[in-house]
């Protein structure tokens, strides 16, 4: 994992790009179940391996795992039958933009908190805040999403 300079946080929706694998944008839906976390990570690894540097890939896969886990754990995607999580990955000029969309939640919203050293969880968005070049979230009537950008140095 690499430390970066100042973090730029941006609220609101992420940049949209056409879903077109030939232009480096991919989209896939996953069931709102824990088993989807390693499946999503392996899918992204297959897409990005050889396209970006290994340390950058490690950061992207770690952050993707954390954000998908949060979507399943804290949204209706993991609490309702048939819940879904959608992952969109864009790779352009060595930078990777990931957006994870879930079914939303009436009781929670994404928030960074500093975990206690002995806690088992609570590090997802803290890691995103630490490692991503930029990140943000937005919520609408149809659900919510968290996105992050990991840029080459």
C-alpha atoms as a PDB file:
ATOM      1  CA  UNK A   1       0.000   0.000   0.000  1.00  0.00           C
ATOM      2  CA  UNK A   2       1.213   3.468  -0.790  1.00  0.00           C
ATOM      3  CA  UNK A   3       0.630   6.688   1.051  1.00  0.00           C
ATOM      4  CA  UNK A   4      -0.400   9.668  -1.022  1.00  0.00           C
ATOM      5  CA  UNK A   5      -0.402  13.420  -0.714  1.00  0.00           C
ATOM      6  CA  UNK A   6      -3.423  15.452   0.304  1.00  0.00           C
ATOM      7  CA  UNK A   7      -6.725  13.666  -0.175  1.00  0.00           C
ATOM      8  CA  UNK A   8      -9.368  15.403  -2.247  1.00  0.00           C
ATOM      9  CA  UNK A   9     -12.865  14.381  -1.250  1.00  0.00           C
ATOM     10  CA  UNK A  10     -15.741  15.108  -3.529  1.00  0.00           C
ATOM     11  CA  UNK A  11     -19.373  14.587  -2.595  1.00  0.00           C
ATOM     12  CA  UNK A  12     -21.998  13.904  -5.184  1.00  0.00           C
ATOM     13  CA  UNK A  13     -22.098  11.515  -8.079  1.00  0.00           C
ATOM     14  CA  UNK A  14     -19.046  10.179  -9.792  1.00  0.00           C
ATOM     15  CA  UNK A  15     -18.063  10.935 -13.353  1.00  0.00           C
ATOM     16  CA  UNK A  16     -20.071   8.844 -15.757  1.00  0.00           C
ATOM     17  CA  UNK A  17     -18.452   6.917 -18.560  1.00  0.00           C
ATOM     18  CA  UNK A  18     -20.051   4.666 -21.144  1.00  0.00           C
ATOM     19  CA  UNK A  19     -19.915   0.987 -20.257  1.00  0.00           C
ATOM     20  CA  UNK A  20     -17.595  -0.166 -22.979  1.00  0.00           C
ATOM     21  CA  UNK A  21     -14.865  -2.708 -22.320  1.00  0.00           C
ATOM     22  CA  UNK A  22     -12.910  -1.559 -25.362  1.00  0.00           C
ATOM     23  CA  UNK A  23     -12.600   1.876 -23.756  1.00  0.00           C
ATOM     24  CA  UNK A  24     -11.694   0.501 -20.301  1.00  0.00           C
ATOM     25  CA  UNK A  25     -15.095   0.612 -18.567  1.00  0.00           C
ATOM     26  CA  UNK A  26     -16.810  -2.474 -17.207  1.00  0.00           C
ATOM     27  CA  UNK A  27     -19.971  -3.061 -15.146  1.00  0.00           C
ATOM     28  CA  UNK A  28     -21.202  -6.133 -13.317  1.00  0.00           C
ATOM     29  CA  UNK A  29     -24.010  -6.938 -10.884  1.00  0.00           C
ATOM     30  CA  UNK A  30     -23.407  -9.177  -7.858  1.00  0.00           C
ATOM     31  CA  UNK A  31     -25.839 -10.690  -5.348  1.00  0.00           C
ATOM     32  CA  UNK A  32     -26.000  -8.855  -2.019  1.00  0.00           C
ATOM     33  CA  UNK A  33     -24.224 -11.708  -0.243  1.00  0.00           C
ATOM     34  CA  UNK A  34     -20.823 -11.976   1.434  1.00  0.00           C
ATOM     35  CA  UNK A  35     -19.611 -14.453  -1.191  1.00  0.00           C
ATOM     36  CA  UNK A  36     -19.785 -11.601  -3.709  1.00  0.00           C
ATOM     37  CA  UNK A  37     -16.819  -9.816  -2.101  1.00  0.00           C
ATOM     38  CA  UNK A  38     -14.093 -12.235  -3.277  1.00  0.00           C
ATOM     39  CA  UNK A  39     -15.922 -12.774  -6.580  1.00  0.00           C
ATOM     40  CA  UNK A  40     -15.977  -9.006  -7.269  1.00  0.00           C
ATOM     41  CA  UNK A  41     -12.315  -8.725  -6.262  1.00  0.00           C
ATOM     42  CA  UNK A  42     -11.278 -11.556  -8.618  1.00  0.00           C
ATOM     43  CA  UNK A  43     -13.363 -10.074 -11.456  1.00  0.00           C
ATOM     44  CA  UNK A  44     -11.612  -6.710 -11.023  1.00  0.00           C
ATOM     45  CA  UNK A  45      -8.201  -8.403 -10.789  1.00  0.00           C
ATOM     46  CA  UNK A  46      -8.796 -10.155 -14.113  1.00  0.00           C
ATOM     47  CA  UNK A  47      -9.862  -6.867 -15.728  1.00  0.00           C
ATOM     48  CA  UNK A  48      -6.984  -4.754 -14.437  1.00  0.00           C
ATOM     49  CA  UNK A  49      -3.980  -7.095 -14.205  1.00  0.00           C
ATOM     50  CA  UNK A  50      -1.443  -6.006 -16.780  1.00  0.00           C
ATOM     51  CA  UNK A  51      -3.209  -2.662 -17.332  1.00  0.00           C
ATOM     52  CA  UNK A  52      -1.928  -0.974 -14.153  1.00  0.00           C
ATOM     53  CA  UNK A  53       1.081  -1.316 -11.857  1.00  0.00           C
ATOM     54  CA  UNK A  54       0.898  -4.079  -9.241  1.00  0.00           C
ATOM     55  CA  UNK A  55       0.958  -1.710  -6.202  1.00  0.00           C
ATOM     56  CA  UNK A  56      -1.908   0.292  -7.697  1.00  0.00           C
ATOM     57  CA  UNK A  57      -3.837  -2.919  -8.370  1.00  0.00           C
ATOM     58  CA  UNK A  58      -3.333  -3.996  -4.743  1.00  0.00           C
ATOM     59  CA  UNK A  59      -4.812  -0.699  -3.520  1.00  0.00           C
ATOM     60  CA  UNK A  60      -7.778  -0.903  -5.906  1.00  0.00           C
ATOM     61  CA  UNK A  61      -8.591  -4.482  -4.896  1.00  0.00           C
ATOM     62  CA  UNK A  62      -8.356  -3.705  -1.182  1.00  0.00           C
ATOM     63  CA  UNK A  63     -10.630  -0.670  -1.509  1.00  0.00           C
ATOM     64  CA  UNK A  64     -13.077  -2.502  -3.762  1.00  0.00           C
ATOM     65  CA  UNK A  65     -13.332  -5.285  -1.170  1.00  0.00           C
ATOM     66  CA  UNK A  66     -14.019  -2.782   1.594  1.00  0.00           C
ATOM     67  CA  UNK A  67     -16.667  -0.849  -0.347  1.00  0.00           C
ATOM     68  CA  UNK A  68     -18.494  -3.979  -1.559  1.00  0.00           C
ATOM     69  CA  UNK A  69     -18.427  -5.356   1.994  1.00  0.00           C
ATOM     70  CA  UNK A  70     -19.917  -2.090   3.283  1.00  0.00           C
ATOM     71  CA  UNK A  71     -22.626  -2.144   0.600  1.00  0.00           C
ATOM     72  CA  UNK A  72     -23.651  -5.661   1.585  1.00  0.00           C
ATOM     73  CA  UNK A  73     -23.353  -5.097   5.333  1.00  0.00           C
ATOM     74  CA  UNK A  74     -24.918  -1.642   5.665  1.00  0.00           C
ATOM     75  CA  UNK A  75     -27.495  -1.387   2.875  1.00  0.00           C
ATOM     76  CA  UNK A  76     -30.692  -3.092   1.834  1.00  0.00           C
ATOM     77  CA  UNK A  77     -28.646  -4.988  -0.766  1.00  0.00           C
ATOM     78  CA  UNK A  78     -27.563  -7.411   1.955  1.00  0.00           C
ATOM     79  CA  UNK A  79     -30.744  -7.238   4.038  1.00  0.00           C
ATOM     80  CA  UNK A  80     -33.412  -8.050   1.461  1.00  0.00           C
ATOM     81  CA  UNK A  81     -33.985 -11.107  -0.689  1.00  0.00           C
ATOM     82  CA  UNK A  82     -32.735 -10.465  -4.188  1.00  0.00           C
ATOM     83  CA  UNK A  83     -30.544  -7.519  -3.115  1.00  0.00           C
ATOM     84  CA  UNK A  84     -27.894  -6.518  -5.642  1.00  0.00           C
ATOM     85  CA  UNK A  85     -24.617  -4.619  -5.710  1.00  0.00           C
ATOM     86  CA  UNK A  86     -23.385  -3.130  -8.983  1.00  0.00           C
ATOM     87  CA  UNK A  87     -19.682  -2.510  -9.548  1.00  0.00           C
ATOM     88  CA  UNK A  88     -18.439  -0.220 -12.304  1.00  0.00           C
ATOM     89  CA  UNK A  89     -14.693  -0.070 -13.029  1.00  0.00           C
ATOM     90  CA  UNK A  90     -13.077   2.444 -15.364  1.00  0.00           C
ATOM     91  CA  UNK A  91      -9.385   2.353 -16.231  1.00  0.00           C
ATOM     92  CA  UNK A  92      -7.950   5.250 -18.213  1.00  0.00           C
ATOM     93  CA  UNK A  93      -4.351   6.451 -18.448  1.00  0.00           C
ATOM     94  CA  UNK A  94      -3.352   4.244 -15.516  1.00  0.00           C
ATOM     95  CA  UNK A  95      -5.985   5.722 -13.197  1.00  0.00           C
ATOM     96  CA  UNK A  96      -8.787   3.526 -11.873  1.00  0.00           C
ATOM     97  CA  UNK A  97     -12.255   4.781 -10.961  1.00  0.00           C
ATOM     98  CA  UNK A  98     -14.552   2.356  -9.121  1.00  0.00           C
ATOM     99  CA  UNK A  99     -18.192   2.919  -8.209  1.00  0.00           C
ATOM    100  CA  UNK A 100     -20.231   0.518  -6.090  1.00  0.00           C
ATOM    101  CA  UNK A 101     -23.991   1.024  -6.157  1.00  0.00           C
ATOM    102  CA  UNK A 102     -26.314  -0.646  -3.661  1.00  0.00           C
ATOM    103  CA  UNK A 103     -30.013  -0.708  -2.819  1.00  0.00           C
ATOM    104  CA  UNK A 104     -29.625   2.096  -0.260  1.00  0.00           C
ATOM    105  CA  UNK A 105     -30.452   2.272   3.418  1.00  0.00           C
ATOM    106  CA  UNK A 106     -32.967   4.227   5.435  1.00  0.00           C
ATOM    107  CA  UNK A 107     -30.886   3.822   8.599  1.00  0.00           C
ATOM    108  CA  UNK A 108     -27.259   4.465   7.632  1.00  0.00           C
ATOM    109  CA  UNK A 109     -25.063   6.525   5.329  1.00  0.00           C
ATOM    110  CA  UNK A 110     -21.362   6.214   4.467  1.00  0.00           C
ATOM    111  CA  UNK A 111     -19.158   7.920   7.051  1.00  0.00           C
ATOM    112  CA  UNK A 112     -15.460   7.775   7.860  1.00  0.00           C
ATOM    113  CA  UNK A 113     -14.609   6.980  11.426  1.00  0.00           C
ATOM    114  CA  UNK A 114     -11.320   6.214  13.112  1.00  0.00           C
ATOM    115  CA  UNK A 115     -11.507   2.650  14.410  1.00  0.00           C
ATOM    116  CA  UNK A 116     -10.159   1.581  17.772  1.00  0.00           C
ATOM    117  CA  UNK A 117      -7.057  -0.626  17.423  1.00  0.00           C
ATOM    118  CA  UNK A 118      -8.819  -3.670  18.921  1.00  0.00           C
ATOM    119  CA  UNK A 119     -11.975  -3.411  16.779  1.00  0.00           C
ATOM    120  CA  UNK A 120     -12.608  -6.125  14.200  1.00  0.00           C
ATOM    121  CA  UNK A 121     -14.289  -3.798  11.688  1.00  0.00           C
ATOM    122  CA  UNK A 122     -14.890  -0.156  10.941  1.00  0.00           C
ATOM    123  CA  UNK A 123     -11.904   0.410   8.673  1.00  0.00           C
ATOM    124  CA  UNK A 124     -13.556   0.380   5.233  1.00  0.00           C
ATOM    125  CA  UNK A 125     -14.035   4.070   4.511  1.00  0.00           C
ATOM    126  CA  UNK A 126     -11.074   4.952   6.705  1.00  0.00           C
ATOM    127  CA  UNK A 127      -8.904   2.944   4.277  1.00  0.00           C
ATOM    128  CA  UNK A 128     -10.649   4.517   1.287  1.00  0.00           C
ATOM    129  CA  UNK A 129      -9.967   7.957   2.766  1.00  0.00           C
ATOM    130  CA  UNK A 130      -6.328   7.013   3.380  1.00  0.00           C
ATOM    131  CA  UNK A 131      -5.482   5.367   0.045  1.00  0.00           C
ATOM    132  CA  UNK A 132      -7.785   6.827  -2.611  1.00  0.00           C
ATOM    133  CA  UNK A 133      -6.836   9.938  -4.541  1.00  0.00           C
ATOM    134  CA  UNK A 134     -10.470  11.060  -4.299  1.00  0.00           C
ATOM    135  CA  UNK A 135     -13.746   9.502  -3.212  1.00  0.00           C
ATOM    136  CA  UNK A 136     -17.342  10.358  -2.525  1.00  0.00           C
ATOM    137  CA  UNK A 137     -20.850   9.064  -2.167  1.00  0.00           C
ATOM    138  CA  UNK A 138     -24.370   9.932  -3.146  1.00  0.00           C
ATOM    139  CA  UNK A 139     -27.831   8.676  -2.293  1.00  0.00           C
ATOM    140  CA  UNK A 140     -31.017   8.836  -4.249  1.00  0.00           C
ATOM    141  CA  UNK A 141     -34.420   7.240  -4.237  1.00  0.00           C
ATOM    142  CA  UNK A 142     -33.151   4.178  -6.093  1.00  0.00           C
ATOM    143  CA  UNK A 143     -30.212   3.510  -3.742  1.00  0.00           C
ATOM    144  CA  UNK A 144     -26.771   4.834  -3.034  1.00  0.00           C
ATOM    145  CA  UNK A 145     -23.236   4.562  -4.244  1.00  0.00           C
ATOM    146  CA  UNK A 146     -19.685   5.057  -3.081  1.00  0.00           C
ATOM    147  CA  UNK A 147     -16.965   5.784  -5.607  1.00  0.00           C
ATOM    148  CA  UNK A 148     -13.212   6.160  -5.413  1.00  0.00           C
ATOM    149  CA  UNK A 149     -10.356   7.074  -7.699  1.00  0.00           C
ATOM    150  CA  UNK A 150      -6.879   5.624  -7.379  1.00  0.00           C
ATOM    151  CA  UNK A 151      -4.445   7.523  -9.576  1.00  0.00           C
ATOM    152  CA  UNK A 152      -0.947   6.614 -10.640  1.00  0.00           C
ATOM    153  CA  UNK A 153       1.700   8.726  -8.958  1.00  0.00           C
END
